[in-house]
């Protein structure tokens, strides 16, 4: 089985990406980054998902972006957008305060370093553009650019960056994950959880609810 490094946040998308990598026959090494996010709950979810889906190993590394990259996810006192309509979430050019500057560039760089150490040539990331996250580092051109960078930033090159969900709707992602046996009850997507429960009001919760509704699947999320 060829080895692959999979970025795993514990959310719906990255969990599905891990399941896709496993279904394609990869021996998966899951990487979760403690990048200064304010909530531990997503890190706990990542650990559950890595075990449930069958990653060979799961490593958590700390690279604190909070002093440099201000975001509602890393900076106390910055408001997480709440109660926005789906049209507002998907508005052209909208980059919400939950965007963490250069996060995916940093995370993929860490995944690339581990992959090169392991002798792996495949990276998996659960980025998605169609559900209008508004994040510039979730676009296909970003993935292509990083893959090109990987060829000249390493010994030997030959790396592939897989983004199997990038052009799927949230409903399609959920349907795909269900077909691969993903238990979405153990995942976490919320930007502003209330204890262990999802807030039900942030952009991530809105997109998650929309996805389950359109997929015709009961949403197992516990909302506050």
N, C-alpha and C. Protein backbone atom coordinates (compact mmCIF):
# COMPACT_ATOMS: atom_id res chain seq x y z
N UNK A 1 0.85 -1.19 0.00
CA UNK A 1 0.00 0.00 0.00
C UNK A 1 0.88 1.24 0.00
N UNK A 2 0.71 2.14 -0.96
CA UNK A 2 1.49 3.38 -0.95
C UNK A 2 1.07 4.26 0.21
N UNK A 3 2.03 4.97 0.77
CA UNK A 3 1.75 5.85 1.90
C UNK A 3 1.24 7.20 1.41
N UNK A 4 0.37 7.81 2.21
CA UNK A 4 -0.13 9.16 1.93
C UNK A 4 -0.25 9.91 3.24
N UNK A 5 -0.03 11.21 3.19
CA UNK A 5 -0.27 12.07 4.34
C UNK A 5 -1.58 12.81 4.11
N UNK A 6 -2.47 12.73 5.08
CA UNK A 6 -3.80 13.33 4.97
C UNK A 6 -3.95 14.39 6.04
N UNK A 7 -4.24 15.62 5.63
CA UNK A 7 -4.54 16.68 6.60
C UNK A 7 -5.91 16.41 7.21
N UNK A 8 -5.98 16.36 8.52
CA UNK A 8 -7.22 15.99 9.21
C UNK A 8 -7.52 17.00 10.30
N UNK A 9 -8.61 17.74 10.09
CA UNK A 9 -9.02 18.73 11.10
C UNK A 9 -10.07 18.18 12.05
N UNK A 10 -10.70 17.07 11.68
CA UNK A 10 -11.82 16.55 12.45
C UNK A 10 -13.16 17.00 11.91
N UNK A 11 -13.15 17.83 10.87
CA UNK A 11 -14.38 18.31 10.26
C UNK A 11 -14.93 17.34 9.23
N UNK A 12 -16.07 17.69 8.70
CA UNK A 12 -16.77 16.84 7.75
C UNK A 12 -15.94 16.59 6.50
N UNK A 13 -15.35 17.65 5.94
CA UNK A 13 -14.63 17.52 4.67
C UNK A 13 -13.35 16.72 4.83
N UNK A 14 -12.52 17.06 5.81
CA UNK A 14 -11.25 16.35 5.94
C UNK A 14 -11.46 14.89 6.32
N UNK A 15 -12.52 14.61 7.08
CA UNK A 15 -12.81 13.22 7.43
C UNK A 15 -13.19 12.42 6.19
N UNK A 16 -13.96 13.05 5.31
CA UNK A 16 -14.33 12.39 4.06
C UNK A 16 -13.10 12.19 3.18
N UNK A 17 -12.20 13.17 3.14
CA UNK A 17 -10.98 13.03 2.36
C UNK A 17 -10.14 11.86 2.86
N UNK A 18 -10.07 11.68 4.18
CA UNK A 18 -9.35 10.54 4.74
C UNK A 18 -9.99 9.23 4.30
N UNK A 19 -11.32 9.17 4.32
CA UNK A 19 -12.02 7.96 3.89
C UNK A 19 -11.78 7.68 2.41
N UNK A 20 -11.73 8.73 1.59
CA UNK A 20 -11.45 8.55 0.17
C UNK A 20 -10.05 7.98 -0.02
N UNK A 21 -9.08 8.55 0.69
CA UNK A 21 -7.71 8.06 0.57
C UNK A 21 -7.62 6.58 0.96
N UNK A 22 -8.28 6.21 2.04
CA UNK A 22 -8.29 4.81 2.46
C UNK A 22 -8.94 3.93 1.40
N UNK A 23 -10.04 4.40 0.81
CA UNK A 23 -10.75 3.61 -0.19
C UNK A 23 -9.93 3.41 -1.46
N UNK A 24 -8.99 4.33 -1.69
CA UNK A 24 -8.12 4.22 -2.87
C UNK A 24 -6.87 3.40 -2.61
N UNK A 25 -6.79 2.81 -1.43
CA UNK A 25 -5.71 1.89 -1.13
C UNK A 25 -4.48 2.51 -0.52
N UNK A 26 -4.59 3.73 -0.04
CA UNK A 26 -3.43 4.37 0.58
C UNK A 26 -3.30 3.99 2.05
N UNK A 27 -2.07 3.87 2.49
CA UNK A 27 -1.74 3.69 3.89
C UNK A 27 -1.63 5.08 4.48
N UNK A 28 -2.62 5.49 5.26
CA UNK A 28 -2.80 6.90 5.60
C UNK A 28 -2.14 7.30 6.91
N UNK A 29 -1.38 8.36 6.82
CA UNK A 29 -0.76 9.00 7.98
C UNK A 29 -1.48 10.33 8.16
N UNK A 30 -2.29 10.43 9.20
CA UNK A 30 -3.13 11.62 9.40
C UNK A 30 -2.37 12.67 10.20
N UNK A 31 -2.46 13.91 9.72
CA UNK A 31 -1.76 15.01 10.37
C UNK A 31 -2.77 16.08 10.78
N UNK A 32 -2.80 16.38 12.06
CA UNK A 32 -3.63 17.45 12.60
C UNK A 32 -2.70 18.53 13.16
N UNK A 33 -3.03 19.78 12.86
CA UNK A 33 -2.17 20.88 13.28
C UNK A 33 -2.90 21.73 14.32
N UNK A 34 -2.26 21.91 15.44
CA UNK A 34 -2.75 22.84 16.46
C UNK A 34 -2.16 24.21 16.10
N UNK A 35 -2.92 24.98 15.32
CA UNK A 35 -2.38 26.20 14.73
C UNK A 35 -2.77 27.46 15.52
N UNK A 36 -3.29 27.25 16.71
CA UNK A 36 -3.71 28.37 17.54
C UNK A 36 -5.21 28.53 17.59
N UNK A 37 -5.96 27.55 17.09
CA UNK A 37 -7.41 27.62 17.14
C UNK A 37 -7.87 27.68 18.60
N UNK A 38 -8.95 28.40 18.80
CA UNK A 38 -9.40 28.69 20.16
C UNK A 38 -10.08 27.51 20.83
N UNK A 39 -10.47 26.50 20.06
CA UNK A 39 -11.29 25.43 20.62
C UNK A 39 -10.59 24.08 20.46
N UNK A 40 -10.59 23.31 21.53
CA UNK A 40 -9.99 21.98 21.56
C UNK A 40 -10.89 20.94 20.90
N UNK A 41 -12.18 21.23 20.78
CA UNK A 41 -13.14 20.21 20.38
C UNK A 41 -12.83 19.63 19.00
N UNK A 42 -12.32 20.45 18.06
CA UNK A 42 -12.02 19.90 16.74
C UNK A 42 -10.80 18.97 16.79
N UNK A 43 -9.86 19.24 17.68
CA UNK A 43 -8.72 18.35 17.82
C UNK A 43 -9.15 17.00 18.39
N UNK A 44 -10.08 17.03 19.32
CA UNK A 44 -10.62 15.79 19.87
C UNK A 44 -11.35 15.00 18.78
N UNK A 45 -12.09 15.71 17.92
CA UNK A 45 -12.80 15.05 16.83
C UNK A 45 -11.82 14.39 15.87
N UNK A 46 -10.71 15.07 15.57
CA UNK A 46 -9.71 14.51 14.65
C UNK A 46 -9.17 13.18 15.17
N UNK A 47 -8.93 13.11 16.48
CA UNK A 47 -8.43 11.86 17.06
C UNK A 47 -9.45 10.74 16.90
N UNK A 48 -10.73 11.05 17.12
CA UNK A 48 -11.78 10.03 16.96
C UNK A 48 -11.85 9.55 15.51
N UNK A 49 -11.80 10.50 14.60
CA UNK A 49 -11.94 10.16 13.17
C UNK A 49 -10.77 9.31 12.69
N UNK A 50 -9.55 9.69 13.08
CA UNK A 50 -8.37 8.93 12.66
C UNK A 50 -8.47 7.47 13.08
N UNK A 51 -8.95 7.24 14.29
CA UNK A 51 -9.12 5.87 14.78
C UNK A 51 -10.24 5.16 14.04
N UNK A 52 -11.37 5.83 13.88
CA UNK A 52 -12.54 5.19 13.27
C UNK A 52 -12.30 4.82 11.81
N UNK A 53 -11.62 5.67 11.08
CA UNK A 53 -11.44 5.43 9.64
C UNK A 53 -10.22 4.55 9.38
N UNK A 54 -9.33 4.47 10.33
CA UNK A 54 -8.24 3.51 10.20
C UNK A 54 -6.95 4.08 9.67
N UNK A 55 -6.58 5.29 10.11
CA UNK A 55 -5.27 5.82 9.76
C UNK A 55 -4.20 4.97 10.44
N UNK A 56 -3.08 4.77 9.75
CA UNK A 56 -1.99 4.01 10.35
C UNK A 56 -1.47 4.73 11.60
N UNK A 57 -1.34 6.04 11.50
CA UNK A 57 -0.95 6.83 12.65
C UNK A 57 -1.56 8.21 12.54
N UNK A 58 -1.65 8.85 13.69
CA UNK A 58 -2.22 10.20 13.74
C UNK A 58 -1.30 11.06 14.58
N UNK A 59 -0.75 12.09 13.98
CA UNK A 59 0.14 12.98 14.70
C UNK A 59 -0.48 14.37 14.80
N UNK A 60 -0.30 14.99 15.95
CA UNK A 60 -0.74 16.36 16.17
C UNK A 60 0.51 17.20 16.41
N UNK A 61 0.71 18.21 15.59
CA UNK A 61 1.85 19.10 15.76
C UNK A 61 1.36 20.51 16.03
N UNK A 62 2.16 21.28 16.73
CA UNK A 62 1.79 22.65 17.07
C UNK A 62 2.63 23.64 16.30
N UNK A 63 1.96 24.45 15.51
CA UNK A 63 2.58 25.59 14.83
C UNK A 63 1.61 26.74 15.03
N UNK A 64 1.85 27.55 16.03
CA UNK A 64 0.89 28.56 16.45
C UNK A 64 0.93 29.77 15.52
N UNK A 65 -0.14 29.92 14.74
CA UNK A 65 -0.24 31.05 13.81
C UNK A 65 -0.86 32.28 14.45
N UNK A 66 -1.41 32.14 15.65
CA UNK A 66 -2.22 33.22 16.22
C UNK A 66 -1.47 34.54 16.40
N UNK A 67 -0.16 34.55 16.70
CA UNK A 67 0.50 35.86 16.81
C UNK A 67 0.66 36.57 15.47
N UNK A 68 0.56 35.82 14.38
CA UNK A 68 0.84 36.38 13.05
C UNK A 68 -0.39 36.50 12.17
N UNK A 69 -1.28 35.54 12.27
CA UNK A 69 -2.42 35.45 11.35
C UNK A 69 -3.71 35.63 12.14
N UNK A 70 -4.22 36.83 12.18
CA UNK A 70 -5.43 37.11 12.96
C UNK A 70 -6.66 36.60 12.24
N UNK A 71 -7.53 35.97 13.01
CA UNK A 71 -8.75 35.36 12.49
C UNK A 71 -9.70 35.16 13.66
N UNK A 72 -10.98 35.08 13.35
CA UNK A 72 -11.95 34.79 14.41
C UNK A 72 -11.74 33.40 14.99
N UNK A 73 -10.99 32.54 14.31
CA UNK A 73 -10.71 31.21 14.83
C UNK A 73 -9.52 31.18 15.76
N UNK A 74 -8.68 32.22 15.70
CA UNK A 74 -7.44 32.21 16.48
C UNK A 74 -7.29 33.39 17.43
N UNK A 75 -8.12 34.41 17.28
CA UNK A 75 -7.93 35.66 18.01
C UNK A 75 -9.13 35.93 18.91
N UNK A 76 -8.92 35.93 20.20
CA UNK A 76 -10.01 36.22 21.14
C UNK A 76 -10.54 37.63 20.90
N UNK A 77 -11.85 37.76 20.92
CA UNK A 77 -12.47 39.06 20.74
C UNK A 77 -12.91 39.34 19.32
N UNK A 78 -12.43 38.58 18.34
CA UNK A 78 -12.92 38.73 16.97
C UNK A 78 -14.20 37.91 16.82
N UNK A 79 -15.22 38.52 16.26
CA UNK A 79 -16.52 37.87 16.19
C UNK A 79 -16.58 36.85 15.05
N UNK A 80 -17.13 35.69 15.36
CA UNK A 80 -17.47 34.70 14.33
C UNK A 80 -18.80 35.12 13.70
N UNK A 81 -18.86 35.25 12.38
CA UNK A 81 -20.14 35.61 11.75
C UNK A 81 -21.24 34.61 12.10
N UNK A 82 -22.40 35.13 12.42
CA UNK A 82 -23.53 34.28 12.82
C UNK A 82 -24.78 34.68 12.05
N UNK A 83 -25.66 33.71 11.86
CA UNK A 83 -27.00 33.92 11.31
C UNK A 83 -26.98 34.55 9.92
N UNK A 84 -25.97 34.25 9.13
CA UNK A 84 -25.92 34.76 7.76
C UNK A 84 -26.71 33.84 6.85
N UNK A 85 -27.34 34.43 5.85
CA UNK A 85 -28.07 33.62 4.87
C UNK A 85 -27.07 32.91 3.97
N UNK A 86 -27.54 31.88 3.29
CA UNK A 86 -26.67 31.16 2.37
C UNK A 86 -26.21 32.06 1.23
N UNK A 87 -27.05 33.02 0.84
CA UNK A 87 -26.63 33.98 -0.19
C UNK A 87 -25.50 34.86 0.32
N UNK A 88 -25.57 35.26 1.58
CA UNK A 88 -24.50 36.07 2.15
C UNK A 88 -23.20 35.27 2.25
N UNK A 89 -23.32 34.02 2.66
CA UNK A 89 -22.14 33.17 2.78
C UNK A 89 -21.48 32.98 1.42
N UNK A 90 -22.29 32.86 0.39
CA UNK A 90 -21.77 32.60 -0.95
C UNK A 90 -21.56 33.83 -1.80
N UNK A 91 -21.62 35.00 -1.22
CA UNK A 91 -21.49 36.23 -2.02
C UNK A 91 -20.10 36.31 -2.66
N UNK A 92 -20.02 36.69 -3.92
CA UNK A 92 -18.72 36.80 -4.59
C UNK A 92 -17.79 37.75 -3.85
N UNK A 93 -16.57 37.30 -3.65
CA UNK A 93 -15.58 38.13 -2.99
C UNK A 93 -15.66 38.16 -1.48
N UNK A 94 -16.64 37.45 -0.91
CA UNK A 94 -16.77 37.45 0.55
C UNK A 94 -15.71 36.55 1.17
N UNK A 95 -14.83 37.12 1.97
CA UNK A 95 -13.85 36.35 2.74
C UNK A 95 -14.13 36.64 4.21
N UNK A 96 -14.77 35.73 4.92
CA UNK A 96 -15.21 36.02 6.29
C UNK A 96 -14.04 36.09 7.27
N UNK A 97 -14.34 36.57 8.46
CA UNK A 97 -13.31 36.74 9.48
C UNK A 97 -12.77 35.40 9.99
N UNK A 98 -13.41 34.29 9.61
CA UNK A 98 -12.93 32.97 10.02
C UNK A 98 -11.80 32.47 9.11
N UNK A 99 -11.50 33.21 8.06
CA UNK A 99 -10.35 32.85 7.22
C UNK A 99 -9.07 33.09 8.02
N UNK A 100 -8.21 32.07 8.06
CA UNK A 100 -6.91 32.19 8.73
C UNK A 100 -5.86 32.42 7.65
N UNK A 101 -5.23 33.58 7.60
CA UNK A 101 -4.29 33.89 6.53
C UNK A 101 -3.22 32.82 6.34
N UNK A 102 -3.15 32.33 5.09
CA UNK A 102 -2.12 31.37 4.66
C UNK A 102 -2.17 30.03 5.38
N UNK A 103 -3.27 29.72 6.06
CA UNK A 103 -3.32 28.49 6.84
C UNK A 103 -3.05 27.24 6.00
N UNK A 104 -3.75 27.10 4.89
CA UNK A 104 -3.58 25.88 4.11
C UNK A 104 -2.19 25.78 3.49
N UNK A 105 -1.57 26.92 3.21
CA UNK A 105 -0.19 26.89 2.73
C UNK A 105 0.73 26.32 3.80
N UNK A 106 0.55 26.78 5.03
CA UNK A 106 1.37 26.29 6.14
C UNK A 106 1.09 24.81 6.40
N UNK A 107 -0.19 24.43 6.45
CA UNK A 107 -0.54 23.05 6.77
C UNK A 107 -0.05 22.08 5.70
N UNK A 108 -0.21 22.45 4.44
CA UNK A 108 0.27 21.57 3.37
C UNK A 108 1.80 21.49 3.38
N UNK A 109 2.46 22.57 3.76
CA UNK A 109 3.92 22.52 3.86
C UNK A 109 4.36 21.52 4.93
N UNK A 110 3.65 21.50 6.05
CA UNK A 110 3.96 20.53 7.09
C UNK A 110 3.68 19.10 6.61
N UNK A 111 2.57 18.93 5.90
CA UNK A 111 2.25 17.61 5.34
C UNK A 111 3.32 17.18 4.34
N UNK A 112 3.79 18.13 3.55
CA UNK A 112 4.83 17.83 2.56
C UNK A 112 6.12 17.39 3.25
N UNK A 113 6.50 18.08 4.34
CA UNK A 113 7.71 17.70 5.07
C UNK A 113 7.61 16.28 5.61
N UNK A 114 6.45 15.94 6.17
CA UNK A 114 6.28 14.59 6.71
C UNK A 114 6.27 13.56 5.59
N UNK A 115 5.59 13.89 4.47
CA UNK A 115 5.55 12.96 3.35
C UNK A 115 6.95 12.68 2.82
N UNK A 116 7.76 13.72 2.69
CA UNK A 116 9.12 13.51 2.19
C UNK A 116 9.91 12.64 3.15
N UNK A 117 9.72 12.83 4.44
CA UNK A 117 10.40 12.02 5.45
C UNK A 117 9.98 10.56 5.36
N UNK A 118 8.68 10.33 5.13
CA UNK A 118 8.14 8.97 5.05
C UNK A 118 8.46 8.28 3.73
N UNK A 119 8.84 9.07 2.72
CA UNK A 119 8.99 8.51 1.39
C UNK A 119 7.68 8.43 0.64
N UNK A 120 6.66 9.13 1.15
CA UNK A 120 5.36 9.17 0.49
C UNK A 120 5.37 10.26 -0.57
N UNK A 121 4.53 10.11 -1.58
CA UNK A 121 4.45 11.10 -2.64
C UNK A 121 3.03 11.63 -2.84
N UNK A 122 2.14 11.29 -1.91
CA UNK A 122 0.74 11.69 -2.06
C UNK A 122 0.26 12.43 -0.81
N UNK A 123 -0.34 13.60 -1.04
CA UNK A 123 -0.95 14.38 0.01
C UNK A 123 -2.44 14.50 -0.26
N UNK A 124 -3.25 14.40 0.78
CA UNK A 124 -4.69 14.57 0.63
C UNK A 124 -5.14 15.73 1.50
N UNK A 125 -6.02 16.58 0.92
CA UNK A 125 -6.56 17.72 1.65
C UNK A 125 -8.04 17.84 1.29
N UNK A 126 -8.87 18.19 2.28
CA UNK A 126 -10.31 18.20 2.07
C UNK A 126 -10.88 19.54 1.67
N UNK A 127 -10.11 20.36 0.95
CA UNK A 127 -10.62 21.68 0.57
C UNK A 127 -11.76 21.55 -0.42
N UNK A 128 -12.64 22.55 -0.39
CA UNK A 128 -13.84 22.53 -1.23
C UNK A 128 -14.21 23.95 -1.61
N UNK A 129 -14.54 24.15 -2.87
CA UNK A 129 -14.81 25.50 -3.35
C UNK A 129 -16.29 25.76 -3.63
N UNK A 130 -17.07 24.74 -3.92
CA UNK A 130 -18.43 24.97 -4.42
C UNK A 130 -19.39 25.46 -3.36
N UNK A 131 -19.15 25.13 -2.11
CA UNK A 131 -20.07 25.58 -1.07
C UNK A 131 -19.69 26.95 -0.52
N UNK A 132 -18.86 27.66 -1.28
CA UNK A 132 -18.66 29.09 -1.06
C UNK A 132 -18.14 29.44 0.32
N UNK A 133 -17.05 28.79 0.71
CA UNK A 133 -16.43 29.16 1.97
C UNK A 133 -15.83 30.55 1.88
N UNK A 134 -15.49 30.98 0.67
CA UNK A 134 -14.88 32.29 0.49
C UNK A 134 -13.39 32.32 0.76
N UNK A 135 -12.81 31.17 1.06
CA UNK A 135 -11.39 31.12 1.41
C UNK A 135 -10.54 31.00 0.14
N UNK A 136 -9.58 31.89 -0.07
CA UNK A 136 -8.77 31.82 -1.29
C UNK A 136 -7.91 30.56 -1.38
N UNK A 137 -7.57 29.96 -0.23
CA UNK A 137 -6.72 28.77 -0.26
C UNK A 137 -7.53 27.48 -0.31
N UNK A 138 -8.76 27.58 -0.79
CA UNK A 138 -9.58 26.40 -1.07
C UNK A 138 -9.87 26.26 -2.56
N UNK A 139 -9.23 27.08 -3.37
CA UNK A 139 -9.49 27.10 -4.81
C UNK A 139 -8.62 26.09 -5.56
N UNK A 140 -9.12 25.57 -6.70
CA UNK A 140 -8.31 24.63 -7.48
C UNK A 140 -6.96 25.21 -7.89
N UNK A 141 -6.90 26.50 -8.20
CA UNK A 141 -5.63 27.08 -8.61
C UNK A 141 -4.61 27.08 -7.47
N UNK A 142 -5.09 27.19 -6.24
CA UNK A 142 -4.17 27.08 -5.10
C UNK A 142 -3.59 25.67 -5.02
N UNK A 143 -4.44 24.68 -5.16
CA UNK A 143 -3.97 23.29 -5.08
C UNK A 143 -2.96 23.00 -6.18
N UNK A 144 -3.26 23.45 -7.40
CA UNK A 144 -2.32 23.23 -8.50
C UNK A 144 -0.99 23.95 -8.25
N UNK A 145 -1.07 25.16 -7.73
CA UNK A 145 0.15 25.93 -7.48
C UNK A 145 1.00 25.26 -6.39
N UNK A 146 0.35 24.75 -5.34
CA UNK A 146 1.12 24.10 -4.29
C UNK A 146 1.75 22.82 -4.81
N UNK A 147 1.04 22.08 -5.63
CA UNK A 147 1.61 20.85 -6.19
C UNK A 147 2.84 21.18 -7.03
N UNK A 148 2.78 22.27 -7.80
CA UNK A 148 3.93 22.68 -8.59
C UNK A 148 5.09 23.07 -7.68
N UNK A 149 4.78 23.79 -6.59
CA UNK A 149 5.81 24.16 -5.62
C UNK A 149 6.49 22.93 -5.05
N UNK A 150 5.70 21.90 -4.73
CA UNK A 150 6.25 20.69 -4.11
C UNK A 150 7.30 20.02 -4.98
N UNK A 151 7.20 20.18 -6.28
CA UNK A 151 8.16 19.53 -7.17
C UNK A 151 9.55 20.16 -7.08
N UNK A 152 9.61 21.46 -6.78
CA UNK A 152 10.89 22.16 -6.76
C UNK A 152 11.37 22.46 -5.34
N UNK A 153 10.54 22.17 -4.35
CA UNK A 153 10.89 22.47 -2.96
C UNK A 153 11.43 21.26 -2.21
N UNK A 154 11.55 20.13 -2.90
CA UNK A 154 11.91 18.87 -2.24
C UNK A 154 12.96 18.12 -3.06
N UNK A 155 13.51 17.09 -2.45
CA UNK A 155 14.44 16.21 -3.17
C UNK A 155 13.65 15.26 -4.05
N UNK A 156 13.81 15.36 -5.33
CA UNK A 156 13.20 14.38 -6.24
C UNK A 156 11.84 14.74 -6.76
N UNK A 157 11.05 15.48 -6.00
CA UNK A 157 9.72 15.85 -6.46
C UNK A 157 8.82 14.64 -6.61
N UNK A 158 7.92 14.71 -7.58
CA UNK A 158 7.00 13.60 -7.83
C UNK A 158 5.79 13.58 -6.93
N UNK A 159 5.51 14.70 -6.27
CA UNK A 159 4.39 14.74 -5.34
C UNK A 159 3.07 15.04 -6.04
N UNK A 160 2.01 14.46 -5.50
CA UNK A 160 0.66 14.75 -5.97
C UNK A 160 -0.17 15.27 -4.79
N UNK A 161 -0.89 16.34 -5.03
CA UNK A 161 -1.80 16.88 -4.02
C UNK A 161 -3.22 16.54 -4.44
N UNK A 162 -3.84 15.65 -3.70
CA UNK A 162 -5.20 15.20 -4.02
C UNK A 162 -6.20 16.07 -3.26
N UNK A 163 -7.14 16.61 -3.98
CA UNK A 163 -8.24 17.37 -3.37
C UNK A 163 -9.54 16.77 -3.91
N UNK A 164 -9.91 15.58 -3.46
CA UNK A 164 -10.99 14.82 -4.08
C UNK A 164 -12.37 15.45 -3.92
N UNK A 165 -12.51 16.43 -3.02
CA UNK A 165 -13.82 17.03 -2.76
C UNK A 165 -13.96 18.42 -3.35
N UNK A 166 -12.97 18.89 -4.05
CA UNK A 166 -12.87 20.32 -4.33
C UNK A 166 -14.03 20.85 -5.15
N UNK A 167 -14.62 20.04 -5.99
CA UNK A 167 -15.72 20.51 -6.82
C UNK A 167 -17.04 19.81 -6.51
N UNK A 168 -17.16 19.26 -5.31
CA UNK A 168 -18.40 18.62 -4.88
C UNK A 168 -19.18 19.57 -4.00
N UNK A 169 -20.50 19.46 -4.06
CA UNK A 169 -21.32 20.19 -3.10
C UNK A 169 -21.23 19.50 -1.75
N UNK A 170 -21.67 20.19 -0.71
CA UNK A 170 -21.65 19.59 0.63
C UNK A 170 -22.52 18.33 0.66
N UNK A 171 -23.63 18.36 -0.03
CA UNK A 171 -24.50 17.17 -0.08
C UNK A 171 -23.78 16.01 -0.74
N UNK A 172 -23.07 16.27 -1.82
CA UNK A 172 -22.34 15.21 -2.51
C UNK A 172 -21.21 14.66 -1.65
N UNK A 173 -20.57 15.54 -0.89
CA UNK A 173 -19.52 15.10 0.02
C UNK A 173 -20.09 14.17 1.08
N UNK A 174 -21.22 14.54 1.64
CA UNK A 174 -21.86 13.71 2.67
C UNK A 174 -22.29 12.36 2.10
N UNK A 175 -22.86 12.38 0.91
CA UNK A 175 -23.28 11.12 0.29
C UNK A 175 -22.08 10.22 0.01
N UNK A 176 -20.98 10.83 -0.46
CA UNK A 176 -19.76 10.06 -0.70
C UNK A 176 -19.24 9.47 0.60
N UNK A 177 -19.18 10.29 1.64
CA UNK A 177 -18.68 9.80 2.91
C UNK A 177 -19.53 8.68 3.48
N UNK A 178 -20.83 8.84 3.38
CA UNK A 178 -21.72 7.78 3.87
C UNK A 178 -21.48 6.48 3.12
N UNK A 179 -21.25 6.57 1.82
CA UNK A 179 -21.00 5.36 1.03
C UNK A 179 -19.70 4.68 1.44
N UNK A 180 -18.80 5.45 2.07
CA UNK A 180 -17.51 4.92 2.52
C UNK A 180 -17.51 4.61 4.01
N UNK A 181 -18.68 4.77 4.65
CA UNK A 181 -18.81 4.40 6.05
C UNK A 181 -18.42 5.44 7.06
N UNK A 182 -18.33 6.71 6.66
CA UNK A 182 -17.96 7.76 7.60
C UNK A 182 -19.11 8.00 8.58
N UNK A 183 -18.77 8.03 9.85
CA UNK A 183 -19.76 8.35 10.89
C UNK A 183 -19.63 9.85 11.18
N UNK A 184 -20.53 10.64 10.62
CA UNK A 184 -20.42 12.08 10.77
C UNK A 184 -20.78 12.56 12.16
N UNK A 185 -21.33 11.68 12.99
CA UNK A 185 -21.64 12.07 14.36
C UNK A 185 -20.37 12.34 15.17
N UNK A 186 -19.24 11.78 14.75
CA UNK A 186 -18.00 11.99 15.51
C UNK A 186 -17.17 13.12 14.93
N UNK A 187 -17.65 13.78 13.86
CA UNK A 187 -16.92 14.90 13.28
C UNK A 187 -17.40 16.21 13.90
N UNK A 188 -16.63 17.26 13.64
CA UNK A 188 -16.97 18.58 14.19
C UNK A 188 -16.65 19.64 13.16
N UNK A 189 -17.63 20.50 12.86
CA UNK A 189 -17.43 21.55 11.87
C UNK A 189 -17.55 22.96 12.42
N UNK A 190 -18.17 23.12 13.57
CA UNK A 190 -18.57 24.44 14.06
C UNK A 190 -17.39 25.36 14.36
N UNK A 191 -17.55 26.63 14.01
CA UNK A 191 -16.52 27.64 14.27
C UNK A 191 -16.57 28.19 15.70
N UNK A 192 -17.69 28.03 16.37
CA UNK A 192 -17.85 28.65 17.69
C UNK A 192 -18.67 27.74 18.60
N UNK A 193 -18.11 26.56 18.94
CA UNK A 193 -18.89 25.60 19.71
C UNK A 193 -19.25 26.08 21.10
N UNK A 194 -20.34 25.52 21.60
CA UNK A 194 -20.79 25.78 22.97
C UNK A 194 -20.54 24.49 23.75
N UNK A 195 -19.42 24.44 24.46
CA UNK A 195 -19.00 23.18 25.05
C UNK A 195 -18.67 22.20 23.95
N UNK A 196 -19.30 21.03 23.98
CA UNK A 196 -19.10 20.02 22.95
C UNK A 196 -20.11 20.15 21.82
N UNK A 197 -21.08 21.03 21.98
CA UNK A 197 -22.14 21.16 20.98
C UNK A 197 -21.80 22.23 19.95
N UNK A 198 -22.33 22.06 18.74
CA UNK A 198 -22.18 23.06 17.70
C UNK A 198 -23.13 24.22 17.95
N UNK A 199 -22.70 25.42 17.57
CA UNK A 199 -23.53 26.60 17.85
C UNK A 199 -24.80 26.63 17.01
N UNK A 200 -24.75 26.06 15.81
CA UNK A 200 -25.92 26.05 14.93
C UNK A 200 -26.14 27.34 14.18
N UNK A 201 -25.27 28.34 14.34
CA UNK A 201 -25.53 29.67 13.77
C UNK A 201 -24.40 30.19 12.89
N UNK A 202 -23.22 29.61 12.97
CA UNK A 202 -22.09 30.10 12.17
C UNK A 202 -22.19 29.58 10.73
N UNK A 203 -21.30 30.08 9.87
CA UNK A 203 -21.32 29.68 8.46
C UNK A 203 -21.12 28.18 8.30
N UNK A 204 -20.20 27.61 9.08
CA UNK A 204 -19.92 26.19 8.96
C UNK A 204 -21.14 25.35 9.33
N UNK A 205 -21.84 25.75 10.38
CA UNK A 205 -23.06 25.03 10.77
C UNK A 205 -24.14 25.16 9.70
N UNK A 206 -24.26 26.37 9.12
CA UNK A 206 -25.27 26.58 8.08
C UNK A 206 -25.00 25.69 6.87
N UNK A 207 -23.75 25.62 6.44
CA UNK A 207 -23.40 24.79 5.28
C UNK A 207 -23.54 23.31 5.59
N UNK A 208 -23.23 22.94 6.80
CA UNK A 208 -23.37 21.53 7.21
C UNK A 208 -24.85 21.14 7.21
N UNK A 209 -25.69 21.97 7.81
CA UNK A 209 -27.13 21.68 7.82
C UNK A 209 -27.69 21.59 6.40
N UNK A 210 -27.29 22.53 5.57
CA UNK A 210 -27.74 22.54 4.17
C UNK A 210 -27.33 21.25 3.47
N UNK A 211 -26.11 20.82 3.71
CA UNK A 211 -25.62 19.60 3.07
C UNK A 211 -26.42 18.38 3.45
N UNK A 212 -26.69 18.20 4.74
CA UNK A 212 -27.46 17.04 5.16
C UNK A 212 -28.88 17.10 4.62
N UNK A 213 -29.47 18.29 4.63
CA UNK A 213 -30.84 18.43 4.12
C UNK A 213 -30.91 18.07 2.65
N UNK A 214 -29.96 18.58 1.86
CA UNK A 214 -29.97 18.30 0.42
C UNK A 214 -29.60 16.86 0.10
N UNK A 215 -28.83 16.24 0.98
CA UNK A 215 -28.47 14.84 0.78
C UNK A 215 -29.59 13.90 1.21
N UNK A 216 -30.59 14.43 1.92
CA UNK A 216 -31.69 13.61 2.40
C UNK A 216 -31.26 12.67 3.52
N UNK A 217 -30.27 13.11 4.30
CA UNK A 217 -29.72 12.29 5.38
C UNK A 217 -29.89 13.06 6.69
N UNK A 218 -30.30 12.36 7.74
CA UNK A 218 -30.49 13.00 9.03
C UNK A 218 -29.16 13.56 9.55
N UNK A 219 -29.18 14.80 9.94
CA UNK A 219 -27.99 15.44 10.48
C UNK A 219 -27.76 14.95 11.92
N UNK A 220 -26.62 14.28 12.18
CA UNK A 220 -26.39 13.74 13.52
C UNK A 220 -25.74 14.74 14.48
N UNK A 221 -25.54 15.96 14.03
CA UNK A 221 -24.85 16.97 14.82
C UNK A 221 -25.66 17.36 16.04
N UNK A 222 -24.98 17.53 17.18
CA UNK A 222 -25.65 18.03 18.40
C UNK A 222 -25.46 19.55 18.43
N UNK A 223 -26.57 20.26 18.24
CA UNK A 223 -26.53 21.71 18.23
C UNK A 223 -26.94 22.26 19.60
N UNK A 224 -26.35 23.38 19.97
CA UNK A 224 -26.69 24.02 21.24
C UNK A 224 -28.09 24.59 21.17
